[in-house]
């Protein structure tokens, strides 16, 4: 059973020879081939080489097109700051929709129009050519709350929930349309699993989440699944206040950051939900030992039960000791899934 088959077996509720291994790598992957991270985010060929090298070196079961959250915003015309060896960052002070009246004239960019979104689609095409059916290929889009924050600015968006809810809904409709176009292009390029990153959703309370975010996440998840792809929801941060609602989305896979015990998520989401995570990426994975990594993963597996995928709470930090990453692989390979 190869990596792709192992992941699909678990997502479909079956058994696999071992636990799937799906840690997120971005800067860590670029470092594996000795390239500055700015190059990784700017050139799909570099991203692909880094992902393939990392997956081969550590026996990961998948490869991913993930790099940074600023691709969609950049193609919309947002001011994005680029750095030689760090992720690009949206300029919050001078956000594209600081004047919210600009939303009415904003057009959804073409994901195949030669911009930063197109670069990610090209990565998916090349990954499909290089790994065939051996490893699962993951695409990535921003969730509705995260993308709204990128376009409007996180502080402005948080006050908009109270001051102008109509604008928030219009903005999220725009984000939903754009992200689904982007998702469709990636699926057609060969992506089988779509990551949805909605980190900003962890910053709102349950009432705002239920009223403004959950309906758009649900539509996004259902639409991506209708395209024929699986969905991996990744919300960085503490999702403890909204974990029950997340469990109603029907995601194929839910990542859990280290702040929330997997036992809490299992209780809230039920026995069928596949969970991934959730060791502390910094204190345990980067700062621990192979033994402490294995112990932490064993506890994650105990709390999550059989429907579990090995990963950290968020991305593997750069400078994580190779031995600690190999401990993740060893744990996955030594434990049967299901």
C-alpha atoms as a PDB file:
ATOM      1  CA  UNK A   1       0.000   0.000   0.000  1.00  0.00           C
ATOM      2  CA  UNK A   2       1.610   3.261  -1.116  1.00  0.00           C
ATOM      3  CA  UNK A   3       1.195   6.641   0.558  1.00  0.00           C
ATOM      4  CA  UNK A   4      -1.769   7.758  -1.517  1.00  0.00           C
ATOM      5  CA  UNK A   5      -3.597   4.492  -0.921  1.00  0.00           C
ATOM      6  CA  UNK A   6      -2.879   4.666   2.800  1.00  0.00           C
ATOM      7  CA  UNK A   7      -4.404   8.144   3.140  1.00  0.00           C
ATOM      8  CA  UNK A   8      -7.451   7.332   1.032  1.00  0.00           C
ATOM      9  CA  UNK A   9      -8.098   4.155   2.980  1.00  0.00           C
ATOM     10  CA  UNK A  10      -8.263   6.064   6.250  1.00  0.00           C
ATOM     11  CA  UNK A  11     -10.340   8.903   4.774  1.00  0.00           C
ATOM     12  CA  UNK A  12     -12.792   6.324   3.454  1.00  0.00           C
ATOM     13  CA  UNK A  13     -13.165   4.671   6.848  1.00  0.00           C
ATOM     14  CA  UNK A  14     -11.086   1.600   6.130  1.00  0.00           C
ATOM     15  CA  UNK A  15      -7.851   0.144   7.425  1.00  0.00           C
ATOM     16  CA  UNK A  16      -4.306   0.757   6.229  1.00  0.00           C
ATOM     17  CA  UNK A  17      -0.952  -0.923   6.726  1.00  0.00           C
ATOM     18  CA  UNK A  18       0.141   2.008   8.867  1.00  0.00           C
ATOM     19  CA  UNK A  19      -0.956   5.437  10.004  1.00  0.00           C
ATOM     20  CA  UNK A  20      -0.843   8.070   7.254  1.00  0.00           C
ATOM     21  CA  UNK A  21       1.905  10.672   7.669  1.00  0.00           C
ATOM     22  CA  UNK A  22       0.832  14.176   6.603  1.00  0.00           C
ATOM     23  CA  UNK A  23       2.767  16.928   8.399  1.00  0.00           C
ATOM     24  CA  UNK A  24       2.663  20.364   6.789  1.00  0.00           C
ATOM     25  CA  UNK A  25       6.022  21.564   5.477  1.00  0.00           C
ATOM     26  CA  UNK A  26       6.809  24.926   3.928  1.00  0.00           C
ATOM     27  CA  UNK A  27       9.984  26.670   5.116  1.00  0.00           C
ATOM     28  CA  UNK A  28      11.240  23.304   6.360  1.00  0.00           C
ATOM     29  CA  UNK A  29      10.822  21.904   2.837  1.00  0.00           C
ATOM     30  CA  UNK A  30      12.681  24.798   1.217  1.00  0.00           C
ATOM     31  CA  UNK A  31      15.559  24.274   3.635  1.00  0.00           C
ATOM     32  CA  UNK A  32      15.811  20.626   2.604  1.00  0.00           C
ATOM     33  CA  UNK A  33      17.065  21.659  -0.829  1.00  0.00           C
ATOM     34  CA  UNK A  34      18.942  24.736   0.372  1.00  0.00           C
ATOM     35  CA  UNK A  35      16.871  27.442  -1.311  1.00  0.00           C
ATOM     36  CA  UNK A  36      15.654  30.714   0.271  1.00  0.00           C
ATOM     37  CA  UNK A  37      11.980  30.653   1.050  1.00  0.00           C
ATOM     38  CA  UNK A  38      11.238  33.584  -1.205  1.00  0.00           C
ATOM     39  CA  UNK A  39      12.262  31.433  -4.159  1.00  0.00           C
ATOM     40  CA  UNK A  40      10.066  28.570  -2.930  1.00  0.00           C
ATOM     41  CA  UNK A  41       6.997  30.834  -2.925  1.00  0.00           C
ATOM     42  CA  UNK A  42       7.803  32.476  -6.267  1.00  0.00           C
ATOM     43  CA  UNK A  43       8.614  29.508  -8.518  1.00  0.00           C
ATOM     44  CA  UNK A  44       6.432  26.406  -8.652  1.00  0.00           C
ATOM     45  CA  UNK A  45       9.356  24.316  -9.910  1.00  0.00           C
ATOM     46  CA  UNK A  46      11.310  25.050  -6.752  1.00  0.00           C
ATOM     47  CA  UNK A  47       8.278  24.251  -4.590  1.00  0.00           C
ATOM     48  CA  UNK A  48       7.816  20.925  -6.348  1.00  0.00           C
ATOM     49  CA  UNK A  49      11.472  19.947  -5.993  1.00  0.00           C
ATOM     50  CA  UNK A  50      11.420  20.809  -2.300  1.00  0.00           C
ATOM     51  CA  UNK A  51       8.188  18.915  -1.655  1.00  0.00           C
ATOM     52  CA  UNK A  52       9.414  15.832  -3.491  1.00  0.00           C
ATOM     53  CA  UNK A  53      12.782  15.861  -1.747  1.00  0.00           C
ATOM     54  CA  UNK A  54      11.155  16.246   1.677  1.00  0.00           C
ATOM     55  CA  UNK A  55       8.562  13.538   1.052  1.00  0.00           C
ATOM     56  CA  UNK A  56      11.229  11.129  -0.149  1.00  0.00           C
ATOM     57  CA  UNK A  57      13.666  11.884   2.663  1.00  0.00           C
ATOM     58  CA  UNK A  58      11.093  11.443   5.433  1.00  0.00           C
ATOM     59  CA  UNK A  59       8.692   9.013   3.744  1.00  0.00           C
ATOM     60  CA  UNK A  60       5.706  11.365   3.831  1.00  0.00           C
ATOM     61  CA  UNK A  61       2.543  10.040   2.210  1.00  0.00           C
ATOM     62  CA  UNK A  62       1.642  13.205   0.371  1.00  0.00           C
ATOM     63  CA  UNK A  63       2.977  16.350  -1.267  1.00  0.00           C
ATOM     64  CA  UNK A  64       1.406  19.784  -1.068  1.00  0.00           C
ATOM     65  CA  UNK A  65       1.177  23.016  -3.030  1.00  0.00           C
ATOM     66  CA  UNK A  66       0.946  25.092   0.163  1.00  0.00           C
ATOM     67  CA  UNK A  67       3.313  28.038   0.514  1.00  0.00           C
ATOM     68  CA  UNK A  68       1.673  31.180   1.908  1.00  0.00           C
ATOM     69  CA  UNK A  69      -1.767  32.789   2.281  1.00  0.00           C
ATOM     70  CA  UNK A  70      -1.113  35.790   0.043  1.00  0.00           C
ATOM     71  CA  UNK A  71      -1.600  34.282  -3.421  1.00  0.00           C
ATOM     72  CA  UNK A  72      -5.256  35.166  -3.876  1.00  0.00           C
ATOM     73  CA  UNK A  73      -4.926  38.626  -2.332  1.00  0.00           C
ATOM     74  CA  UNK A  74      -1.923  39.408  -4.524  1.00  0.00           C
ATOM     75  CA  UNK A  75      -3.848  38.509  -7.675  1.00  0.00           C
ATOM     76  CA  UNK A  76      -6.672  40.779  -6.528  1.00  0.00           C
ATOM     77  CA  UNK A  77      -4.185  43.660  -6.446  1.00  0.00           C
ATOM     78  CA  UNK A  78      -3.465  43.759  -2.717  1.00  0.00           C
ATOM     79  CA  UNK A  79      -0.190  45.187  -1.473  1.00  0.00           C
ATOM     80  CA  UNK A  80       1.995  42.219  -0.570  1.00  0.00           C
ATOM     81  CA  UNK A  81       5.438  42.406   0.962  1.00  0.00           C
ATOM     82  CA  UNK A  82       7.965  39.884  -0.346  1.00  0.00           C
ATOM     83  CA  UNK A  83      11.079  38.822   1.535  1.00  0.00           C
ATOM     84  CA  UNK A  84      14.148  36.839   0.475  1.00  0.00           C
ATOM     85  CA  UNK A  85      13.818  34.090   3.073  1.00  0.00           C
ATOM     86  CA  UNK A  86      10.423  34.529   4.765  1.00  0.00           C
ATOM     87  CA  UNK A  87       6.798  34.069   3.649  1.00  0.00           C
ATOM     88  CA  UNK A  88       5.109  36.906   1.760  1.00  0.00           C
ATOM     89  CA  UNK A  89       2.825  39.032   3.914  1.00  0.00           C
ATOM     90  CA  UNK A  90      -0.234  41.100   3.112  1.00  0.00           C
ATOM     91  CA  UNK A  91       0.225  44.776   4.042  1.00  0.00           C
ATOM     92  CA  UNK A  92      -2.456  45.122   6.741  1.00  0.00           C
ATOM     93  CA  UNK A  93      -2.100  48.880   7.072  1.00  0.00           C
ATOM     94  CA  UNK A  94      -2.658  49.482   3.375  1.00  0.00           C
ATOM     95  CA  UNK A  95      -5.079  46.614   2.737  1.00  0.00           C
ATOM     96  CA  UNK A  96      -6.859  46.464  -0.584  1.00  0.00           C
ATOM     97  CA  UNK A  97     -10.276  47.088   0.949  1.00  0.00           C
ATOM     98  CA  UNK A  98      -9.301  49.630   3.578  1.00  0.00           C
ATOM     99  CA  UNK A  99     -11.939  51.626   1.691  1.00  0.00           C
ATOM    100  CA  UNK A 100     -14.706  49.038   1.688  1.00  0.00           C
ATOM    101  CA  UNK A 101     -16.568  50.763  -1.159  1.00  0.00           C
ATOM    102  CA  UNK A 102     -13.931  49.264  -3.470  1.00  0.00           C
ATOM    103  CA  UNK A 103     -15.534  45.853  -3.056  1.00  0.00           C
ATOM    104  CA  UNK A 104     -18.315  46.673  -5.512  1.00  0.00           C
ATOM    105  CA  UNK A 105     -15.793  47.127  -8.325  1.00  0.00           C
ATOM    106  CA  UNK A 106     -13.507  44.230  -7.406  1.00  0.00           C
ATOM    107  CA  UNK A 107     -13.364  41.387  -9.918  1.00  0.00           C
ATOM    108  CA  UNK A 108     -12.403  37.818  -9.130  1.00  0.00           C
ATOM    109  CA  UNK A 109      -9.027  37.149 -10.742  1.00  0.00           C
ATOM    110  CA  UNK A 110      -8.471  34.364 -13.232  1.00  0.00           C
ATOM    111  CA  UNK A 111      -6.558  31.564 -11.451  1.00  0.00           C
ATOM    112  CA  UNK A 112      -4.998  30.689 -14.803  1.00  0.00           C
ATOM    113  CA  UNK A 113      -4.135  34.271 -15.657  1.00  0.00           C
ATOM    114  CA  UNK A 114      -0.404  34.091 -15.010  1.00  0.00           C
ATOM    115  CA  UNK A 115      -0.426  35.390 -11.436  1.00  0.00           C
ATOM    116  CA  UNK A 116       0.471  33.830  -8.121  1.00  0.00           C
ATOM    117  CA  UNK A 117      -2.571  31.563  -8.157  1.00  0.00           C
ATOM    118  CA  UNK A 118      -1.513  30.234 -11.534  1.00  0.00           C
ATOM    119  CA  UNK A 119       1.906  29.403 -10.100  1.00  0.00           C
ATOM    120  CA  UNK A 120       0.219  27.109  -7.544  1.00  0.00           C
ATOM    121  CA  UNK A 121      -1.842  25.445 -10.274  1.00  0.00           C
ATOM    122  CA  UNK A 122       1.367  24.815 -12.212  1.00  0.00           C
ATOM    123  CA  UNK A 123       2.797  23.185  -9.086  1.00  0.00           C
ATOM    124  CA  UNK A 124      -0.156  20.792  -8.998  1.00  0.00           C
ATOM    125  CA  UNK A 125       0.355  19.872 -12.643  1.00  0.00           C
ATOM    126  CA  UNK A 126       4.043  19.162 -12.135  1.00  0.00           C
ATOM    127  CA  UNK A 127       3.452  17.181  -8.950  1.00  0.00           C
ATOM    128  CA  UNK A 128       0.956  15.006 -10.802  1.00  0.00           C
ATOM    129  CA  UNK A 129       3.549  14.341 -13.482  1.00  0.00           C
ATOM    130  CA  UNK A 130       6.248  13.510 -10.956  1.00  0.00           C
ATOM    131  CA  UNK A 131       4.446  11.385  -8.338  1.00  0.00           C
ATOM    132  CA  UNK A 132       1.658   9.825 -10.367  1.00  0.00           C
ATOM    133  CA  UNK A 133      -0.470   7.699  -8.075  1.00  0.00           C
ATOM    134  CA  UNK A 134       2.229   7.137  -5.456  1.00  0.00           C
ATOM    135  CA  UNK A 135       1.550  10.065  -3.129  1.00  0.00           C
ATOM    136  CA  UNK A 136      -1.580  12.102  -2.582  1.00  0.00           C
ATOM    137  CA  UNK A 137      -1.415  15.618  -4.021  1.00  0.00           C
ATOM    138  CA  UNK A 138      -2.808  18.422  -1.872  1.00  0.00           C
ATOM    139  CA  UNK A 139      -3.861  21.837  -3.111  1.00  0.00           C
ATOM    140  CA  UNK A 140      -4.624  24.836  -0.950  1.00  0.00           C
ATOM    141  CA  UNK A 141      -7.081  27.721  -0.775  1.00  0.00           C
ATOM    142  CA  UNK A 142      -7.860  30.308   1.872  1.00  0.00           C
ATOM    143  CA  UNK A 143     -11.026  29.971   3.893  1.00  0.00           C
ATOM    144  CA  UNK A 144     -13.689  32.692   3.789  1.00  0.00           C
ATOM    145  CA  UNK A 145     -12.736  34.374   7.062  1.00  0.00           C
ATOM    146  CA  UNK A 146      -8.997  34.273   6.376  1.00  0.00           C
ATOM    147  CA  UNK A 147      -9.339  35.678   2.874  1.00  0.00           C
ATOM    148  CA  UNK A 148     -11.743  38.380   4.029  1.00  0.00           C
ATOM    149  CA  UNK A 149      -9.131  39.387   6.604  1.00  0.00           C
ATOM    150  CA  UNK A 150      -6.410  39.445   3.940  1.00  0.00           C
ATOM    151  CA  UNK A 151      -8.428  41.789   1.745  1.00  0.00           C
ATOM    152  CA  UNK A 152      -9.973  44.016   4.393  1.00  0.00           C
ATOM    153  CA  UNK A 153      -7.377  43.798   7.177  1.00  0.00           C
ATOM    154  CA  UNK A 154      -7.904  41.660  10.262  1.00  0.00           C
ATOM    155  CA  UNK A 155      -8.637  44.550  12.658  1.00  0.00           C
ATOM    156  CA  UNK A 156     -11.105  46.208  10.302  1.00  0.00           C
ATOM    157  CA  UNK A 157     -12.879  42.910   9.672  1.00  0.00           C
ATOM    158  CA  UNK A 158     -13.324  42.262  13.389  1.00  0.00           C
ATOM    159  CA  UNK A 159     -15.146  45.570  13.837  1.00  0.00           C
ATOM    160  CA  UNK A 160     -17.116  45.067  10.601  1.00  0.00           C
ATOM    161  CA  UNK A 161     -18.825  42.039  12.132  1.00  0.00           C
ATOM    162  CA  UNK A 162     -20.578  44.492  14.467  1.00  0.00           C
ATOM    163  CA  UNK A 163     -20.608  47.714  12.451  1.00  0.00           C
ATOM    164  CA  UNK A 164     -21.479  46.497   8.948  1.00  0.00           C
ATOM    165  CA  UNK A 165     -22.622  42.870   8.792  1.00  0.00           C
ATOM    166  CA  UNK A 166     -24.033  43.358   5.300  1.00  0.00           C
ATOM    167  CA  UNK A 167     -20.606  44.294   4.003  1.00  0.00           C
ATOM    168  CA  UNK A 168     -19.066  41.254   5.697  1.00  0.00           C
ATOM    169  CA  UNK A 169     -21.502  38.945   3.937  1.00  0.00           C
ATOM    170  CA  UNK A 170     -20.836  40.612   0.582  1.00  0.00           C
ATOM    171  CA  UNK A 171     -17.099  40.271   1.163  1.00  0.00           C
ATOM    172  CA  UNK A 172     -17.390  36.619   2.066  1.00  0.00           C
ATOM    173  CA  UNK A 173     -19.498  35.965  -1.024  1.00  0.00           C
ATOM    174  CA  UNK A 174     -16.692  37.460  -3.094  1.00  0.00           C
ATOM    175  CA  UNK A 175     -14.109  35.357  -1.291  1.00  0.00           C
ATOM    176  CA  UNK A 176     -16.163  32.203  -1.729  1.00  0.00           C
ATOM    177  CA  UNK A 177     -16.544  32.730  -5.471  1.00  0.00           C
ATOM    178  CA  UNK A 178     -12.835  33.450  -5.922  1.00  0.00           C
ATOM    179  CA  UNK A 179     -11.656  30.516  -3.831  1.00  0.00           C
ATOM    180  CA  UNK A 180     -13.936  28.054  -5.589  1.00  0.00           C
ATOM    181  CA  UNK A 181     -12.596  29.155  -8.965  1.00  0.00           C
ATOM    182  CA  UNK A 182      -9.099  28.656  -7.604  1.00  0.00           C
ATOM    183  CA  UNK A 183     -10.028  25.262  -6.167  1.00  0.00           C
ATOM    184  CA  UNK A 184     -11.539  24.104  -9.460  1.00  0.00           C
ATOM    185  CA  UNK A 185      -8.367  24.996 -11.352  1.00  0.00           C
ATOM    186  CA  UNK A 186      -6.265  23.014  -8.878  1.00  0.00           C
ATOM    187  CA  UNK A 187      -8.573  19.992  -8.940  1.00  0.00           C
ATOM    188  CA  UNK A 188      -8.498  19.961 -12.725  1.00  0.00           C
ATOM    189  CA  UNK A 189      -4.684  20.108 -12.492  1.00  0.00           C
ATOM    190  CA  UNK A 190      -4.584  16.902 -10.442  1.00  0.00           C
ATOM    191  CA  UNK A 191      -5.234  17.807  -6.806  1.00  0.00           C
ATOM    192  CA  UNK A 192      -7.148  15.144  -4.854  1.00  0.00           C
ATOM    193  CA  UNK A 193      -7.182  16.781  -1.424  1.00  0.00           C
ATOM    194  CA  UNK A 194      -7.893  20.480  -0.929  1.00  0.00           C
ATOM    195  CA  UNK A 195      -6.541  22.196   2.135  1.00  0.00           C
ATOM    196  CA  UNK A 196      -8.681  25.078   3.365  1.00  0.00           C
ATOM    197  CA  UNK A 197      -6.775  27.411   5.652  1.00  0.00           C
ATOM    198  CA  UNK A 198      -9.057  29.613   7.751  1.00  0.00           C
ATOM    199  CA  UNK A 199      -6.832  30.713  10.615  1.00  0.00           C
ATOM    200  CA  UNK A 200      -8.752  33.933  11.271  1.00  0.00           C
ATOM    201  CA  UNK A 201     -11.789  31.862  12.227  1.00  0.00           C
ATOM    202  CA  UNK A 202     -10.090  30.908  15.495  1.00  0.00           C
ATOM    203  CA  UNK A 203     -10.121  34.570  16.543  1.00  0.00           C
ATOM    204  CA  UNK A 204     -13.894  35.019  16.618  1.00  0.00           C
ATOM    205  CA  UNK A 205     -16.350  33.857  19.242  1.00  0.00           C
ATOM    206  CA  UNK A 206     -18.992  31.183  18.742  1.00  0.00           C
ATOM    207  CA  UNK A 207     -21.786  33.617  17.926  1.00  0.00           C
ATOM    208  CA  UNK A 208     -19.867  35.362  15.145  1.00  0.00           C
ATOM    209  CA  UNK A 209     -18.523  32.055  13.875  1.00  0.00           C
ATOM    210  CA  UNK A 210     -21.996  30.525  13.612  1.00  0.00           C
ATOM    211  CA  UNK A 211     -23.550  33.609  12.025  1.00  0.00           C
ATOM    212  CA  UNK A 212     -20.859  34.754   9.621  1.00  0.00           C
ATOM    213  CA  UNK A 213     -18.189  32.089   9.066  1.00  0.00           C
ATOM    214  CA  UNK A 214     -19.764  28.657   9.355  1.00  0.00           C
ATOM    215  CA  UNK A 215     -22.271  29.118   6.483  1.00  0.00           C
ATOM    216  CA  UNK A 216     -19.509  30.080   4.049  1.00  0.00           C
ATOM    217  CA  UNK A 217     -17.143  27.353   5.213  1.00  0.00           C
ATOM    218  CA  UNK A 218     -19.953  24.858   4.732  1.00  0.00           C
ATOM    219  CA  UNK A 219     -20.641  26.034   1.196  1.00  0.00           C
ATOM    220  CA  UNK A 220     -16.929  25.942   0.428  1.00  0.00           C
ATOM    221  CA  UNK A 221     -16.490  22.412   1.759  1.00  0.00           C
ATOM    222  CA  UNK A 222     -19.549  21.092  -0.063  1.00  0.00           C
ATOM    223  CA  UNK A 223     -18.559  22.752  -3.347  1.00  0.00           C
ATOM    224  CA  UNK A 224     -14.997  21.401  -3.259  1.00  0.00           C
ATOM    225  CA  UNK A 225     -16.285  17.920  -2.499  1.00  0.00           C
ATOM    226  CA  UNK A 226     -18.719  18.238  -5.403  1.00  0.00           C
ATOM    227  CA  UNK A 227     -15.677  18.851  -7.619  1.00  0.00           C
ATOM    228  CA  UNK A 228     -14.449  15.385  -6.647  1.00  0.00           C
ATOM    229  CA  UNK A 229     -11.783  16.416  -4.137  1.00  0.00           C
ATOM    230  CA  UNK A 230     -11.441  15.657  -0.433  1.00  0.00           C
ATOM    231  CA  UNK A 231     -11.266  18.531   2.063  1.00  0.00           C
ATOM    232  CA  UNK A 232      -8.717  19.149   4.802  1.00  0.00           C
ATOM    233  CA  UNK A 233      -9.717  22.011   7.110  1.00  0.00           C
ATOM    234  CA  UNK A 234      -6.829  23.740   8.831  1.00  0.00           C
ATOM    235  CA  UNK A 235      -7.655  26.438  11.387  1.00  0.00           C
ATOM    236  CA  UNK A 236      -4.537  27.478  13.289  1.00  0.00           C
ATOM    237  CA  UNK A 237      -5.017  28.421  16.912  1.00  0.00           C
ATOM    238  CA  UNK A 238      -7.524  27.555  19.607  1.00  0.00           C
ATOM    239  CA  UNK A 239     -10.719  26.176  18.088  1.00  0.00           C
ATOM    240  CA  UNK A 240     -12.084  24.971  21.424  1.00  0.00           C
ATOM    241  CA  UNK A 241     -15.057  27.349  21.339  1.00  0.00           C
ATOM    242  CA  UNK A 242     -16.176  26.286  17.851  1.00  0.00           C
ATOM    243  CA  UNK A 243     -15.122  22.656  17.695  1.00  0.00           C
ATOM    244  CA  UNK A 244     -18.695  21.286  17.735  1.00  0.00           C
ATOM    245  CA  UNK A 245     -19.645  23.495  14.799  1.00  0.00           C
ATOM    246  CA  UNK A 246     -16.572  22.440  12.832  1.00  0.00           C
ATOM    247  CA  UNK A 247     -17.675  18.862  13.307  1.00  0.00           C
ATOM    248  CA  UNK A 248     -20.874  19.596  11.357  1.00  0.00           C
ATOM    249  CA  UNK A 249     -19.033  20.705   8.206  1.00  0.00           C
ATOM    250  CA  UNK A 250     -18.462  17.208   6.842  1.00  0.00           C
ATOM    251  CA  UNK A 251     -14.748  17.719   6.189  1.00  0.00           C
ATOM    252  CA  UNK A 252     -12.817  14.611   5.216  1.00  0.00           C
ATOM    253  CA  UNK A 253      -9.975  15.647   7.519  1.00  0.00           C
ATOM    254  CA  UNK A 254      -9.720  18.227  10.297  1.00  0.00           C
ATOM    255  CA  UNK A 255      -6.348  19.464  11.534  1.00  0.00           C
ATOM    256  CA  UNK A 256      -6.178  20.304  15.228  1.00  0.00           C
ATOM    257  CA  UNK A 257      -3.617  22.722  16.638  1.00  0.00           C
ATOM    258  CA  UNK A 258      -1.887  21.854  19.897  1.00  0.00           C
ATOM    259  CA  UNK A 259      -4.043  24.151  22.065  1.00  0.00           C
ATOM    260  CA  UNK A 260      -7.037  21.805  21.924  1.00  0.00           C
ATOM    261  CA  UNK A 261      -6.808  18.202  23.151  1.00  0.00           C
ATOM    262  CA  UNK A 262      -7.707  15.648  20.515  1.00  0.00           C
ATOM    263  CA  UNK A 263      -9.951  13.947  23.067  1.00  0.00           C
ATOM    264  CA  UNK A 264     -12.049  17.113  23.174  1.00  0.00           C
ATOM    265  CA  UNK A 265     -12.328  17.101  19.378  1.00  0.00           C
ATOM    266  CA  UNK A 266     -13.191  13.424  19.238  1.00  0.00           C
ATOM    267  CA  UNK A 267     -15.959  13.904  21.783  1.00  0.00           C
ATOM    268  CA  UNK A 268     -17.325  16.949  19.950  1.00  0.00           C
ATOM    269  CA  UNK A 269     -17.006  15.684  16.379  1.00  0.00           C
ATOM    270  CA  UNK A 270     -17.914  12.048  16.831  1.00  0.00           C
ATOM    271  CA  UNK A 271     -16.204   8.775  15.958  1.00  0.00           C
ATOM    272  CA  UNK A 272     -16.293   9.123  12.170  1.00  0.00           C
ATOM    273  CA  UNK A 273     -14.318  12.367  11.811  1.00  0.00           C
ATOM    274  CA  UNK A 274     -10.699  11.872  10.736  1.00  0.00           C
ATOM    275  CA  UNK A 275      -8.397  14.030  12.868  1.00  0.00           C
ATOM    276  CA  UNK A 276      -4.786  15.075  12.292  1.00  0.00           C
ATOM    277  CA  UNK A 277      -2.282  16.506  14.734  1.00  0.00           C
ATOM    278  CA  UNK A 278      -1.612  17.743  17.186  1.00  0.00           C
ATOM    279  CA  UNK A 279       1.763  17.807  18.902  1.00  0.00           C
ATOM    280  CA  UNK A 280       3.204  21.247  19.701  1.00  0.00           C
ATOM    281  CA  UNK A 281       5.293  22.144  16.632  1.00  0.00           C
ATOM    282  CA  UNK A 282       7.783  24.257  18.588  1.00  0.00           C
ATOM    283  CA  UNK A 283       8.168  22.887  22.108  1.00  0.00           C
ATOM    284  CA  UNK A 284       7.725  19.206  21.261  1.00  0.00           C
ATOM    285  CA  UNK A 285       8.694  18.741  17.613  1.00  0.00           C
ATOM    286  CA  UNK A 286      11.412  21.338  17.257  1.00  0.00           C
ATOM    287  CA  UNK A 287      12.552  21.512  20.863  1.00  0.00           C
ATOM    288  CA  UNK A 288      12.069  17.943  22.000  1.00  0.00           C
ATOM    289  CA  UNK A 289      13.786  14.627  21.407  1.00  0.00           C
ATOM    290  CA  UNK A 290      12.834  11.647  19.240  1.00  0.00           C
ATOM    291  CA  UNK A 291      11.609   9.941  22.384  1.00  0.00           C
ATOM    292  CA  UNK A 292       9.416  12.849  23.483  1.00  0.00           C
ATOM    293  CA  UNK A 293       8.025  13.201  19.951  1.00  0.00           C
ATOM    294  CA  UNK A 294       7.055   9.519  19.920  1.00  0.00           C
ATOM    295  CA  UNK A 295       5.476   9.801  23.361  1.00  0.00           C
ATOM    296  CA  UNK A 296       3.448  12.856  22.318  1.00  0.00           C
ATOM    297  CA  UNK A 297       2.222  11.135  19.167  1.00  0.00           C
ATOM    298  CA  UNK A 298       1.241   8.052  21.132  1.00  0.00           C
ATOM    299  CA  UNK A 299      -0.905  10.240  23.364  1.00  0.00           C
ATOM    300  CA  UNK A 300      -2.459  11.917  20.296  1.00  0.00           C
ATOM    301  CA  UNK A 301      -3.312   8.510  18.859  1.00  0.00           C
ATOM    302  CA  UNK A 302      -4.771   7.396  22.168  1.00  0.00           C
ATOM    303  CA  UNK A 303      -7.019  10.451  22.364  1.00  0.00           C
ATOM    304  CA  UNK A 304      -8.033  10.450  18.693  1.00  0.00           C
ATOM    305  CA  UNK A 305      -8.707   6.743  18.329  1.00  0.00           C
ATOM    306  CA  UNK A 306      -8.505   4.802  15.077  1.00  0.00           C
ATOM    307  CA  UNK A 307      -9.432   7.585  12.638  1.00  0.00           C
ATOM    308  CA  UNK A 308      -6.177   9.448  13.015  1.00  0.00           C
ATOM    309  CA  UNK A 309      -3.434  10.877  10.782  1.00  0.00           C
ATOM    310  CA  UNK A 310       0.031  11.734  12.072  1.00  0.00           C
ATOM    311  CA  UNK A 311       0.896  15.447  11.943  1.00  0.00           C
ATOM    312  CA  UNK A 312       1.923  18.353  14.115  1.00  0.00           C
ATOM    313  CA  UNK A 313      -0.467  21.056  15.273  1.00  0.00           C
ATOM    314  CA  UNK A 314       0.739  23.306  12.449  1.00  0.00           C
ATOM    315  CA  UNK A 315       3.663  23.308  10.031  1.00  0.00           C
ATOM    316  CA  UNK A 316       6.993  21.752  10.917  1.00  0.00           C
ATOM    317  CA  UNK A 317       9.221  24.697  11.906  1.00  0.00           C
ATOM    318  CA  UNK A 318      12.457  25.238  10.078  1.00  0.00           C
ATOM    319  CA  UNK A 319      15.494  24.054  12.051  1.00  0.00           C
ATOM    320  CA  UNK A 320      13.532  21.110  13.459  1.00  0.00           C
ATOM    321  CA  UNK A 321      16.078  18.318  14.067  1.00  0.00           C
ATOM    322  CA  UNK A 322      15.987  15.641  11.397  1.00  0.00           C
ATOM    323  CA  UNK A 323      15.860  12.940  14.069  1.00  0.00           C
ATOM    324  CA  UNK A 324      12.632  14.390  15.462  1.00  0.00           C
ATOM    325  CA  UNK A 325      10.961  14.372  12.052  1.00  0.00           C
ATOM    326  CA  UNK A 326      12.132  10.802  11.519  1.00  0.00           C
ATOM    327  CA  UNK A 327      10.535   9.929  14.848  1.00  0.00           C
ATOM    328  CA  UNK A 328       7.199  11.003  13.349  1.00  0.00           C
ATOM    329  CA  UNK A 329       7.787   8.687  10.416  1.00  0.00           C
ATOM    330  CA  UNK A 330       8.803   5.802  12.651  1.00  0.00           C
ATOM    331  CA  UNK A 331       5.683   6.224  14.762  1.00  0.00           C
ATOM    332  CA  UNK A 332       3.432   6.253  11.706  1.00  0.00           C
ATOM    333  CA  UNK A 333       5.056   3.194  10.161  1.00  0.00           C
ATOM    334  CA  UNK A 334       4.987   1.176  13.378  1.00  0.00           C
ATOM    335  CA  UNK A 335       1.253   1.653  14.015  1.00  0.00           C
ATOM    336  CA  UNK A 336      -1.559   0.239  11.936  1.00  0.00           C
ATOM    337  CA  UNK A 337      -4.430   2.506  10.924  1.00  0.00           C
ATOM    338  CA  UNK A 338      -8.034   1.619  11.598  1.00  0.00           C
END
